[in-house]
Amino acid sequence: DKSVVAGYSAAISCSVRGFPKPKIVWMKNRMIIGEDPKFLMQNNQGVLTLNIRKPSTFDGGKYSCMAVNELGQDEVECKLDVRIVTEPENK
């Protein structure tokens, strides 16, 4: 699980191996993340990274990385908490 500050980009990673090569699906709260400019999905030799650009509290939740091929599927989850940092008041 991960905690990030709102407005600062965040990244979630998972490692995937499989044969036949699995198809990767990223989800947030069990909903597939489609083409969305807020999210950047990268694959670097089996290490998959989901970058979340300038997250807000709305972007918090359960993210999962699912690998699927003809032989089955596997999934890993991560809870993302997006915090708002308030500046202390000057008195």
C-alpha atoms as a PDB file:
ATOM      1  CA  ASP A   1       0.000   0.000   0.000  1.00  0.00           C
ATOM      2  CA  LYS A   2       1.119   3.539  -0.695  1.00  0.00           C
ATOM      3  CA  SER A   3       0.409   7.050   0.556  1.00  0.00           C
ATOM      4  CA  VAL A   4       1.116  10.080  -1.650  1.00  0.00           C
ATOM      5  CA  VAL A   5       0.571  13.832  -1.487  1.00  0.00           C
ATOM      6  CA  ALA A   6      -2.083  15.329  -3.778  1.00  0.00           C
ATOM      7  CA  GLY A   7      -0.622  17.140  -6.777  1.00  0.00           C
ATOM      8  CA  TYR A   8       2.645  15.161  -6.834  1.00  0.00           C
ATOM      9  CA  SER A   9       2.834  12.381  -9.406  1.00  0.00           C
ATOM     10  CA  ALA A  10       2.690   8.830  -8.058  1.00  0.00           C
ATOM     11  CA  ALA A  11       3.719   5.460  -9.470  1.00  0.00           C
ATOM     12  CA  ILE A  12       2.616   1.896  -8.719  1.00  0.00           C
ATOM     13  CA  SER A  13       4.637  -1.055 -10.039  1.00  0.00           C
ATOM     14  CA  CYS A  14       4.240  -4.804 -10.380  1.00  0.00           C
ATOM     15  CA  SER A  15       6.372  -7.538 -11.911  1.00  0.00           C
ATOM     16  CA  VAL A  16       4.860  -9.969 -14.429  1.00  0.00           C
ATOM     17  CA  ARG A  17       6.194 -13.109 -16.113  1.00  0.00           C
ATOM     18  CA  GLY A  18       4.279 -15.690 -18.079  1.00  0.00           C
ATOM     19  CA  PHE A  19       4.128 -17.896 -21.131  1.00  0.00           C
ATOM     20  CA  PRO A  20       2.251 -17.372 -23.330  1.00  0.00           C
ATOM     21  CA  LYS A  21       2.952 -13.668 -22.769  1.00  0.00           C
ATOM     22  CA  PRO A  22       0.105 -12.308 -20.627  1.00  0.00           C
ATOM     23  CA  LYS A  23      -2.080  -9.324 -21.437  1.00  0.00           C
ATOM     24  CA  ILE A  24      -1.911  -6.710 -18.665  1.00  0.00           C
ATOM     25  CA  VAL A  25      -4.951  -4.881 -17.339  1.00  0.00           C
ATOM     26  CA  TRP A  26      -4.738  -2.057 -14.776  1.00  0.00           C
ATOM     27  CA  MET A  27      -7.845  -1.404 -12.691  1.00  0.00           C
ATOM     28  CA  LYS A  28      -8.981   1.106 -10.089  1.00  0.00           C
ATOM     29  CA  ASN A  29     -11.671  -0.080  -7.682  1.00  0.00           C
ATOM     30  CA  ARG A  30     -12.374  -3.065 -10.008  1.00  0.00           C
ATOM     31  CA  MET A  31     -12.952  -0.777 -13.022  1.00  0.00           C
ATOM     32  CA  ILE A  32     -10.570  -1.065 -15.999  1.00  0.00           C
ATOM     33  CA  ILE A  33      -8.422   2.012 -16.542  1.00  0.00           C
ATOM     34  CA  GLY A  34      -8.793   2.817 -20.221  1.00  0.00           C
ATOM     35  CA  GLU A  35      -7.104   5.489 -22.305  1.00  0.00           C
ATOM     36  CA  ASP A  36      -6.890   8.357 -19.846  1.00  0.00           C
ATOM     37  CA  PRO A  37      -4.304  11.164 -20.015  1.00  0.00           C
ATOM     38  CA  LYS A  38      -4.066  11.098 -16.201  1.00  0.00           C
ATOM     39  CA  PHE A  39      -2.523   7.604 -16.340  1.00  0.00           C
ATOM     40  CA  LEU A  40       0.639   6.479 -18.108  1.00  0.00           C
ATOM     41  CA  MET A  41       1.206   2.719 -18.355  1.00  0.00           C
ATOM     42  CA  GLN A  42       4.751   1.479 -18.986  1.00  0.00           C
ATOM     43  CA  ASN A  43       6.336  -1.963 -19.379  1.00  0.00           C
ATOM     44  CA  ASN A  44      10.084  -2.302 -18.913  1.00  0.00           C
ATOM     45  CA  GLN A  45      11.153  -5.965 -19.302  1.00  0.00           C
ATOM     46  CA  GLY A  46       8.268  -7.341 -17.242  1.00  0.00           C
ATOM     47  CA  VAL A  47       8.189  -4.557 -14.639  1.00  0.00           C
ATOM     48  CA  LEU A  48       4.913  -2.733 -15.193  1.00  0.00           C
ATOM     49  CA  THR A  49       4.414   0.770 -13.883  1.00  0.00           C
ATOM     50  CA  LEU A  50       1.245   2.828 -13.647  1.00  0.00           C
ATOM     51  CA  ASN A  51       2.088   6.532 -13.339  1.00  0.00           C
ATOM     52  CA  ILE A  52      -0.669   8.756 -11.967  1.00  0.00           C
ATOM     53  CA  ARG A  53      -0.199  12.388 -12.957  1.00  0.00           C
ATOM     54  CA  LYS A  54      -0.967  14.964 -10.268  1.00  0.00           C
ATOM     55  CA  PRO A  55      -3.342  12.775  -8.240  1.00  0.00           C
ATOM     56  CA  SER A  56      -6.190  14.273  -6.241  1.00  0.00           C
ATOM     57  CA  THR A  57      -8.052  12.666  -3.342  1.00  0.00           C
ATOM     58  CA  PHE A  58     -10.477  11.318  -5.990  1.00  0.00           C
ATOM     59  CA  ASP A  59      -7.624   9.151  -7.328  1.00  0.00           C
ATOM     60  CA  GLY A  60      -7.246   7.257  -4.064  1.00  0.00           C
ATOM     61  CA  GLY A  61      -8.539   3.689  -3.911  1.00  0.00           C
ATOM     62  CA  LYS A  62      -7.588   0.098  -4.697  1.00  0.00           C
ATOM     63  CA  TYR A  63      -5.437  -0.325  -7.780  1.00  0.00           C
ATOM     64  CA  SER A  64      -4.779  -3.734  -9.257  1.00  0.00           C
ATOM     65  CA  CYS A  65      -2.543  -5.135 -11.956  1.00  0.00           C
ATOM     66  CA  MET A  66      -4.012  -8.235 -13.637  1.00  0.00           C
ATOM     67  CA  ALA A  67      -2.113 -10.537 -15.995  1.00  0.00           C
ATOM     68  CA  VAL A  68      -4.230 -12.775 -18.247  1.00  0.00           C
ATOM     69  CA  ASN A  69      -3.301 -15.479 -20.771  1.00  0.00           C
ATOM     70  CA  GLU A  70      -4.869 -18.704 -22.087  1.00  0.00           C
ATOM     71  CA  LEU A  71      -3.681 -20.618 -19.004  1.00  0.00           C
ATOM     72  CA  GLY A  72      -5.290 -18.344 -16.433  1.00  0.00           C
ATOM     73  CA  GLN A  73      -4.874 -15.067 -14.624  1.00  0.00           C
ATOM     74  CA  ASP A  74      -3.220 -13.556 -11.578  1.00  0.00           C
ATOM     75  CA  GLU A  75      -3.661 -10.219  -9.885  1.00  0.00           C
ATOM     76  CA  VAL A  76      -1.979  -8.023  -7.285  1.00  0.00           C
ATOM     77  CA  GLU A  77      -3.594  -5.116  -5.435  1.00  0.00           C
ATOM     78  CA  CYS A  78      -2.335  -1.914  -3.872  1.00  0.00           C
ATOM     79  CA  LYS A  79      -4.288   0.632  -1.858  1.00  0.00           C
ATOM     80  CA  LEU A  80      -3.401   4.215  -2.752  1.00  0.00           C
ATOM     81  CA  ASP A  81      -4.108   6.941  -0.216  1.00  0.00           C
ATOM     82  CA  VAL A  82      -3.891  10.511  -1.547  1.00  0.00           C
ATOM     83  CA  ARG A  83      -3.356  13.074   1.210  1.00  0.00           C
ATOM     84  CA  ILE A  84      -3.772  16.836   1.131  1.00  0.00           C
ATOM     85  CA  VAL A  85      -1.009  18.691   2.919  1.00  0.00           C
ATOM     86  CA  THR A  86      -2.105  21.980   4.429  1.00  0.00           C
ATOM     87  CA  GLU A  87       0.315  24.780   5.088  1.00  0.00           C
ATOM     88  CA  PRO A  88       0.502  25.901   8.728  1.00  0.00           C
ATOM     89  CA  GLU A  89      -0.975  29.337   9.277  1.00  0.00           C
ATOM     90  CA  ASN A  90       1.421  32.182  10.065  1.00  0.00           C
ATOM     91  CA  LYS A  91       0.387  34.097  13.153  1.00  0.00           C
END
